[in-house]
C-alpha atoms as a PDB file:
ATOM      1  CA  MET A   1     -44.997  79.777  27.190  1.00  0.00           C
ATOM      2  CA  ALA A   2     -46.571  76.259  26.132  1.00  0.00           C
ATOM      3  CA  PRO A   3     -44.544  73.393  26.819  1.00  0.00           C
ATOM      4  CA  GLU A   4     -42.799  71.469  23.926  1.00  0.00           C
ATOM      5  CA  LYS A   5     -44.666  68.324  23.192  1.00  0.00           C
ATOM      6  CA  LYS A   6     -42.780  65.513  22.179  1.00  0.00           C
ATOM      7  CA  ILE A   7     -43.589  63.224  19.195  1.00  0.00           C
ATOM      8  CA  VAL A   8     -42.703  59.689  19.023  1.00  0.00           C
ATOM      9  CA  ILE A   9     -43.244  58.097  15.830  1.00  0.00           C
ATOM     10  CA  GLU A  10     -43.545  54.147  16.288  1.00  0.00           C
ATOM     11  CA  ASP A  11     -42.009  51.946  13.959  1.00  0.00           C
ATOM     12  CA  GLU A  12     -44.125  49.437  12.796  1.00  0.00           C
ATOM     13  CA  ASN A  13     -41.876  47.230  11.337  1.00  0.00           C
ATOM     14  CA  GLU A  14     -39.666  47.570  14.921  1.00  0.00           C
ATOM     15  CA  LYS A  15     -42.964  46.973  16.495  1.00  0.00           C
ATOM     16  CA  ALA A  16     -43.245  43.816  14.627  1.00  0.00           C
ATOM     17  CA  THR A  17     -39.823  42.303  14.734  1.00  0.00           C
ATOM     18  CA  MET A  18     -39.923  43.069  18.799  1.00  0.00           C
ATOM     19  CA  GLU A  19     -43.472  40.552  19.334  1.00  0.00           C
ATOM     20  CA  SER A  20     -41.791  38.286  16.746  1.00  0.00           C
ATOM     21  CA  VAL A  21     -38.759  37.716  19.002  1.00  0.00           C
ATOM     22  CA  VAL A  22     -40.810  38.135  22.364  1.00  0.00           C
ATOM     23  CA  ASP A  23     -43.556  34.988  22.706  1.00  0.00           C
ATOM     24  CA  PRO A  24     -46.226  36.206  25.357  1.00  0.00           C
ATOM     25  CA  ALA A  25     -46.862  32.567  25.655  1.00  0.00           C
ATOM     26  CA  ALA A  26     -43.599  31.819  26.898  1.00  0.00           C
ATOM     27  CA  GLU A  27     -43.231  34.768  29.118  1.00  0.00           C
ATOM     28  CA  THR A  28     -44.906  34.688  32.637  1.00  0.00           C
ATOM     29  CA  PRO A  29     -44.934  38.668  34.166  1.00  0.00           C
ATOM     30  CA  ASP A  30     -45.008  38.926  37.749  1.00  0.00           C
ATOM     31  CA  GLU A  31     -46.811  41.457  39.878  1.00  0.00           C
ATOM     32  CA  LYS A  32     -44.417  44.502  39.016  1.00  0.00           C
ATOM     33  CA  GLY A  33     -45.418  43.987  35.362  1.00  0.00           C
ATOM     34  CA  ASN A  34     -41.880  42.409  35.028  1.00  0.00           C
ATOM     35  CA  VAL A  35     -41.801  39.376  32.234  1.00  0.00           C
ATOM     36  CA  THR A  36     -40.001  36.140  33.619  1.00  0.00           C
ATOM     37  CA  HIS A  37     -39.383  33.201  31.687  1.00  0.00           C
ATOM     38  CA  SER A  38     -41.033  29.728  32.882  1.00  0.00           C
ATOM     39  CA  PRO A  39     -38.506  27.285  34.401  1.00  0.00           C
ATOM     40  CA  SER A  40     -39.792  24.628  31.773  1.00  0.00           C
ATOM     41  CA  ASP A  41     -38.555  27.357  29.339  1.00  0.00           C
ATOM     42  CA  LEU A  42     -35.383  27.625  30.773  1.00  0.00           C
ATOM     43  CA  GLU A  43     -34.607  23.941  31.275  1.00  0.00           C
ATOM     44  CA  ALA A  44     -35.342  23.311  27.998  1.00  0.00           C
ATOM     45  CA  GLN A  45     -33.400  26.405  27.038  1.00  0.00           C
ATOM     46  CA  LEU A  46     -30.257  24.307  28.884  1.00  0.00           C
ATOM     47  CA  ALA A  47     -30.502  21.042  27.448  1.00  0.00           C
ATOM     48  CA  ALA A  48     -30.666  22.933  24.146  1.00  0.00           C
ATOM     49  CA  ALA A  49     -27.554  24.397  25.140  1.00  0.00           C
ATOM     50  CA  ARG A  50     -25.786  21.030  26.400  1.00  0.00           C
ATOM     51  CA  ALA A  51     -26.952  18.846  23.207  1.00  0.00           C
ATOM     52  CA  GLU A  52     -25.477  21.520  21.033  1.00  0.00           C
ATOM     53  CA  ALA A  53     -22.189  21.447  23.080  1.00  0.00           C
ATOM     54  CA  LYS A  54     -21.632  17.780  23.372  1.00  0.00           C
ATOM     55  CA  GLU A  55     -22.428  17.318  19.129  1.00  0.00           C
ATOM     56  CA  ASN A  56     -19.418  20.213  19.316  1.00  0.00           C
ATOM     57  CA  HIS A  57     -17.240  18.233  21.131  1.00  0.00           C
ATOM     58  CA  ASP A  58     -18.122  14.995  19.139  1.00  0.00           C
ATOM     59  CA  ARG A  59     -17.601  16.583  16.136  1.00  0.00           C
ATOM     60  CA  THR A  60     -14.302  18.092  17.212  1.00  0.00           C
ATOM     61  CA  LEU A  61     -13.060  14.402  19.133  1.00  0.00           C
ATOM     62  CA  ARG A  62     -13.588  13.047  15.386  1.00  0.00           C
ATOM     63  CA  MET A  63     -12.139  15.887  13.398  1.00  0.00           C
ATOM     64  CA  ALA A  64      -8.764  15.065  15.941  1.00  0.00           C
ATOM     65  CA  ALA A  65      -9.149  11.296  15.514  1.00  0.00           C
ATOM     66  CA  GLU A  66      -8.881  12.070  11.238  1.00  0.00           C
ATOM     67  CA  LEU A  67      -6.104  14.610  11.896  1.00  0.00           C
ATOM     68  CA  GLU A  68      -4.031  12.035  13.383  1.00  0.00           C
ATOM     69  CA  ASN A  69      -4.667   9.197  11.336  1.00  0.00           C
ATOM     70  CA  TYR A  70      -4.008  11.143   8.350  1.00  0.00           C
ATOM     71  CA  LYS A  71      -0.368  12.354  10.127  1.00  0.00           C
ATOM     72  CA  LYS A  72       0.307   8.212  10.458  1.00  0.00           C
ATOM     73  CA  ARG A  73      -0.715   7.848   7.154  1.00  0.00           C
ATOM     74  CA  ALA A  74       1.399  10.501   5.937  1.00  0.00           C
ATOM     75  CA  ALA A  75       4.371   8.880   8.135  1.00  0.00           C
ATOM     76  CA  ARG A  76       3.760   5.394   6.314  1.00  0.00           C
ATOM     77  CA  GLU A  77       3.723   6.729   2.864  1.00  0.00           C
ATOM     78  CA  ARG A  78       7.062   8.818   3.389  1.00  0.00           C
ATOM     79  CA  ASP A  79       8.354   5.588   4.897  1.00  0.00           C
ATOM     80  CA  ASP A  80       7.466   3.132   2.380  1.00  0.00           C
ATOM     81  CA  LEU A  81       8.582   6.227  -0.272  1.00  0.00           C
ATOM     82  CA  ARG A  82      11.781   6.439   1.459  1.00  0.00           C
ATOM     83  CA  LYS A  83      12.467   2.092   1.696  1.00  0.00           C
ATOM     84  CA  PHE A  84      11.536   1.464  -1.737  1.00  0.00           C
ATOM     85  CA  ALA A  85      12.134   4.212  -3.676  1.00  0.00           C
ATOM     86  CA  ASN A  86      14.733   2.531  -5.551  1.00  0.00           C
ATOM     87  CA  GLU A  87      12.596  -0.892  -6.026  1.00  0.00           C
ATOM     88  CA  ARG A  88      12.781  -1.079  -9.709  1.00  0.00           C
ATOM     89  CA  LEU A  89      16.308  -0.697 -10.005  1.00  0.00           C
ATOM     90  CA  ILE A  90      17.367  -3.394  -8.070  1.00  0.00           C
ATOM     91  CA  SER A  91      14.701  -5.259  -9.667  1.00  0.00           C
ATOM     92  CA  GLN A  92      16.337  -4.764 -12.729  1.00  0.00           C
ATOM     93  CA  LEU A  93      19.763  -5.233 -11.399  1.00  0.00           C
ATOM     94  CA  LEU A  94      18.847  -9.077 -10.247  1.00  0.00           C
ATOM     95  CA  THR A  95      19.188 -10.263 -13.672  1.00  0.00           C
ATOM     96  CA  VAL A  96      22.456  -8.885 -13.472  1.00  0.00           C
ATOM     97  CA  VAL A  97      23.036 -10.992 -10.787  1.00  0.00           C
ATOM     98  CA  ASP A  98      21.097 -14.302 -12.575  1.00  0.00           C
ATOM     99  CA  ASN A  99      23.536 -13.850 -15.352  1.00  0.00           C
ATOM    100  CA  LEU A 100      26.260 -13.586 -13.252  1.00  0.00           C
ATOM    101  CA  GLU A 101      25.651 -16.736 -11.572  1.00  0.00           C
ATOM    102  CA  ARG A 102      24.822 -18.866 -14.727  1.00  0.00           C
ATOM    103  CA  ALA A 103      28.421 -17.479 -16.090  1.00  0.00           C
ATOM    104  CA  ILE A 104      30.160 -19.110 -12.207  1.00  0.00           C
ATOM    105  CA  ALA A 105      28.211 -22.389 -12.765  1.00  0.00           C
ATOM    106  CA  SER A 106      29.031 -22.863 -16.237  1.00  0.00           C
ATOM    107  CA  ALA A 107      32.875 -21.928 -16.284  1.00  0.00           C
ATOM    108  CA  ALA A 108      32.941 -23.923 -12.511  1.00  0.00           C
ATOM    109  CA  ALA A 109      31.880 -27.045 -14.805  1.00  0.00           C
ATOM    110  CA  ASP A 110      34.996 -26.652 -17.106  1.00  0.00           C
ATOM    111  CA  ASN A 111      37.048 -26.152 -13.971  1.00  0.00           C
ATOM    112  CA  GLN A 112      40.708 -27.118 -16.232  1.00  0.00           C
ATOM    113  CA  ASN A 113      40.669 -23.348 -17.986  1.00  0.00           C
ATOM    114  CA  GLY A 114      37.901 -21.647 -16.351  1.00  0.00           C
ATOM    115  CA  GLN A 115      39.206 -21.152 -12.973  1.00  0.00           C
ATOM    116  CA  SER A 116      40.389 -17.411 -13.293  1.00  0.00           C
ATOM    117  CA  LEU A 117      36.985 -16.634 -15.095  1.00  0.00           C
ATOM    118  CA  VAL A 118      35.042 -18.084 -12.229  1.00  0.00           C
ATOM    119  CA  ASP A 119      37.601 -15.897  -9.610  1.00  0.00           C
ATOM    120  CA  GLY A 120      36.773 -12.702 -11.647  1.00  0.00           C
ATOM    121  CA  VAL A 121      33.004 -12.852 -12.240  1.00  0.00           C
ATOM    122  CA  SER A 122      32.356 -14.169  -8.385  1.00  0.00           C
ATOM    123  CA  LEU A 123      34.413 -11.274  -7.236  1.00  0.00           C
ATOM    124  CA  THR A 124      32.106  -8.753  -9.594  1.00  0.00           C
ATOM    125  CA  LEU A 125      28.860 -11.226  -8.315  1.00  0.00           C
ATOM    126  CA  ALA A 126      30.096 -10.545  -4.756  1.00  0.00           C
ATOM    127  CA  GLU A 127      30.388  -6.587  -4.841  1.00  0.00           C
ATOM    128  CA  ILE A 128      26.780  -6.246  -6.375  1.00  0.00           C
ATOM    129  CA  MET A 129      25.708  -8.735  -3.277  1.00  0.00           C
ATOM    130  CA  LYS A 130      27.474  -6.400  -1.387  1.00  0.00           C
ATOM    131  CA  ILE A 131      25.609  -3.252  -2.982  1.00  0.00           C
ATOM    132  CA  LEU A 132      22.260  -5.137  -2.684  1.00  0.00           C
ATOM    133  CA  GLU A 133      22.810  -6.016   1.186  1.00  0.00           C
ATOM    134  CA  GLN A 134      23.339  -2.198   1.503  1.00  0.00           C
ATOM    135  CA  ASN A 135      19.972  -1.671   0.106  1.00  0.00           C
ATOM    136  CA  HIS A 136      18.319  -4.002   2.335  1.00  0.00           C
ATOM    137  CA  VAL A 137      17.785  -6.300  -0.599  1.00  0.00           C
ATOM    138  CA  THR A 138      18.033  -9.867   0.975  1.00  0.00           C
ATOM    139  CA  PRO A 139      17.741 -13.634  -1.404  1.00  0.00           C
ATOM    140  CA  ILE A 140      15.237 -15.672  -0.402  1.00  0.00           C
ATOM    141  CA  GLU A 141      15.722 -19.532   0.997  1.00  0.00           C
ATOM    142  CA  SER A 142      13.926 -21.756  -0.871  1.00  0.00           C
ATOM    143  CA  LEU A 143      15.788 -25.594  -1.561  1.00  0.00           C
ATOM    144  CA  GLY A 144      14.193 -27.389   1.264  1.00  0.00           C
ATOM    145  CA  GLU A 145      11.745 -25.620   2.435  1.00  0.00           C
ATOM    146  CA  PRO A 146       7.965 -25.966   2.459  1.00  0.00           C
ATOM    147  CA  PHE A 147       6.124 -24.105  -0.536  1.00  0.00           C
ATOM    148  CA  ASP A 148       4.868 -20.798   0.102  1.00  0.00           C
ATOM    149  CA  PRO A 149       2.971 -19.169  -2.802  1.00  0.00           C
ATOM    150  CA  ALA A 150       3.537 -15.472  -0.867  1.00  0.00           C
ATOM    151  CA  PHE A 151       7.207 -16.151  -1.548  1.00  0.00           C
ATOM    152  CA  HIS A 152       7.621 -18.992  -4.666  1.00  0.00           C
ATOM    153  CA  GLN A 153       6.581 -19.535  -7.868  1.00  0.00           C
ATOM    154  CA  ALA A 154       5.925 -23.134  -8.799  1.00  0.00           C
ATOM    155  CA  MET A 155       7.074 -24.036 -12.231  1.00  0.00           C
ATOM    156  CA  CYS A 156       6.119 -27.454 -12.318  1.00  0.00           C
ATOM    157  CA  GLN A 157       5.990 -31.191  -9.489  1.00  0.00           C
ATOM    158  CA  GLU A 158       8.921 -33.722  -9.276  1.00  0.00           C
ATOM    159  CA  ALA A 159       8.135 -37.114  -7.375  1.00  0.00           C
ATOM    160  CA  CYS A 160       9.970 -37.163  -5.054  1.00  0.00           C
ATOM    161  CA  SER A 161      10.925 -39.928  -2.537  1.00  0.00           C
ATOM    162  CA  ASP A 162      13.358 -38.416   0.041  1.00  0.00           C
ATOM    163  CA  GLN A 163      11.122 -35.552  -0.100  1.00  0.00           C
ATOM    164  CA  PRO A 164       8.060 -34.597   2.045  1.00  0.00           C
ATOM    165  CA  PRO A 165       5.320 -33.601  -0.356  1.00  0.00           C
ATOM    166  CA  ASN A 166       5.018 -29.624  -1.680  1.00  0.00           C
ATOM    167  CA  THR A 167       9.073 -28.771  -0.479  1.00  0.00           C
ATOM    168  CA  VAL A 168      11.265 -27.236  -3.120  1.00  0.00           C
ATOM    169  CA  VAL A 169      13.140 -29.668  -4.050  1.00  0.00           C
ATOM    170  CA  GLN A 170      14.863 -27.407  -7.009  1.00  0.00           C
ATOM    171  CA  GLU A 171      15.563 -23.674  -7.871  1.00  0.00           C
ATOM    172  CA  TYR A 172      15.350 -22.006 -11.524  1.00  0.00           C
ATOM    173  CA  GLN A 173      15.863 -18.865  -9.939  1.00  0.00           C
ATOM    174  CA  LYS A 174      16.338 -17.177  -7.135  1.00  0.00           C
ATOM    175  CA  GLY A 175      13.671 -15.135  -5.247  1.00  0.00           C
ATOM    176  CA  TYR A 176      14.361 -11.536  -3.456  1.00  0.00           C
ATOM    177  CA  LEU A 177      12.794  -9.514  -0.561  1.00  0.00           C
ATOM    178  CA  ILE A 178      13.991  -5.616  -0.177  1.00  0.00           C
ATOM    179  CA  HIS A 179      12.890  -4.993   3.497  1.00  0.00           C
ATOM    180  CA  ASP A 180      10.050  -7.023   4.471  1.00  0.00           C
ATOM    181  CA  ARG A 181       8.256  -6.631   0.998  1.00  0.00           C
ATOM    182  CA  LEU A 182       8.401  -9.128  -2.000  1.00  0.00           C
ATOM    183  CA  LEU A 183      10.780  -8.124  -4.728  1.00  0.00           C
ATOM    184  CA  ARG A 184      10.724 -11.487  -6.792  1.00  0.00           C
ATOM    185  CA  PRO A 185       9.242 -14.588  -6.255  1.00  0.00           C
ATOM    186  CA  ALA A 186      11.815 -17.801  -6.570  1.00  0.00           C
ATOM    187  CA  MET A 187      11.047 -19.902  -9.376  1.00  0.00           C
ATOM    188  CA  VAL A 188      10.928 -23.203  -8.027  1.00  0.00           C
ATOM    189  CA  VAL A 189      10.091 -27.005  -8.722  1.00  0.00           C
ATOM    190  CA  VAL A 190       8.122 -28.461  -6.029  1.00  0.00           C
ATOM    191  CA  SER A 191       7.906 -32.048  -4.897  1.00  0.00           C
ATOM    192  CA  THR A 192       5.462 -35.276  -4.544  1.00  0.00           C
ATOM    193  CA  ALA A 193       4.513 -37.830  -3.053  1.00  0.00           C
ATOM    194  CA  ALA A 194       6.464 -40.830  -5.832  1.00  0.00           C
ATOM    195  CA  LYS A 195       3.890 -43.859  -7.299  1.00  0.00           C
ATOM    196  CA  ASN A 196       5.540 -46.913  -6.432  1.00  0.00           C
ATOM    197  CA  GLY A 197       9.086 -45.878  -6.039  1.00  0.00           C
ATOM    198  CA  ASN A 198       9.494 -44.046  -9.205  1.00  0.00           C
ATOM    199  CA  ALA A 199      10.490 -40.711  -8.789  1.00  0.00           C
ATOM    200  CA  ASP A 200       9.258 -39.334 -12.024  1.00  0.00           C
ATOM    201  CA  VAL A 201       8.611 -35.542 -13.056  1.00  0.00           C
ATOM    202  CA  LYS A 202       5.486 -34.215 -13.782  1.00  0.00           C
ATOM    203  CA  THR A 203       5.481 -30.923 -15.184  1.00  0.00           C
ATOM    204  CA  VAL A 204       2.177 -29.501 -13.762  1.00  0.00           C
ATOM    205  CA  ASN A 205       1.825 -25.350 -12.899  1.00  0.00           C
ATOM    206  CA  THR A 206       0.555 -25.253  -9.552  1.00  0.00           C
ATOM    207  CA  ASN A 207      -0.155 -21.683  -9.737  1.00  0.00           C
ATOM    208  CA  ALA A 208      -2.771 -22.509 -12.669  1.00  0.00           C
END
């Protein structure tokens, strides 16, 4: 009985793929016919792997830094939202404070008949100021202080001989802070140097 013959059918596509993967020029057969890569090729592959690893490492560091910055920014935004959530309400409440202060000043001028009114309004104003203080709202001390455009809104200038120039000498309306943020600037009159000893008033808006 004749031995069976094995029939081998070569796949041309597979052969072409294998030939494209293995670059004969980059391989060096040894004495036994085994194919090995040259040292220069191994060094090139190692350098490429190191470059890729460094790039991945740098990308990871950048992503970690961006994530940390996002966390800090989100924390600041949450903190600001908590601190200043009632800013609009308090700003409107300041108008009530202004009216109460004017009522006290007006009634105090008529001290014969207005003392009971002054006492009542003063108690109301004190309660409102207590609420404002609990919400971290504080008035800006302006009188006698140097003019600061970050906290003051100059309504006019007044020549004064008893105050240094650029000093707040009168306050039309108080300014307030909420935490460390300006809630409302103070409307003030700013001093200028007196001319020839005469203290006249010059209505000039310094913000213009």
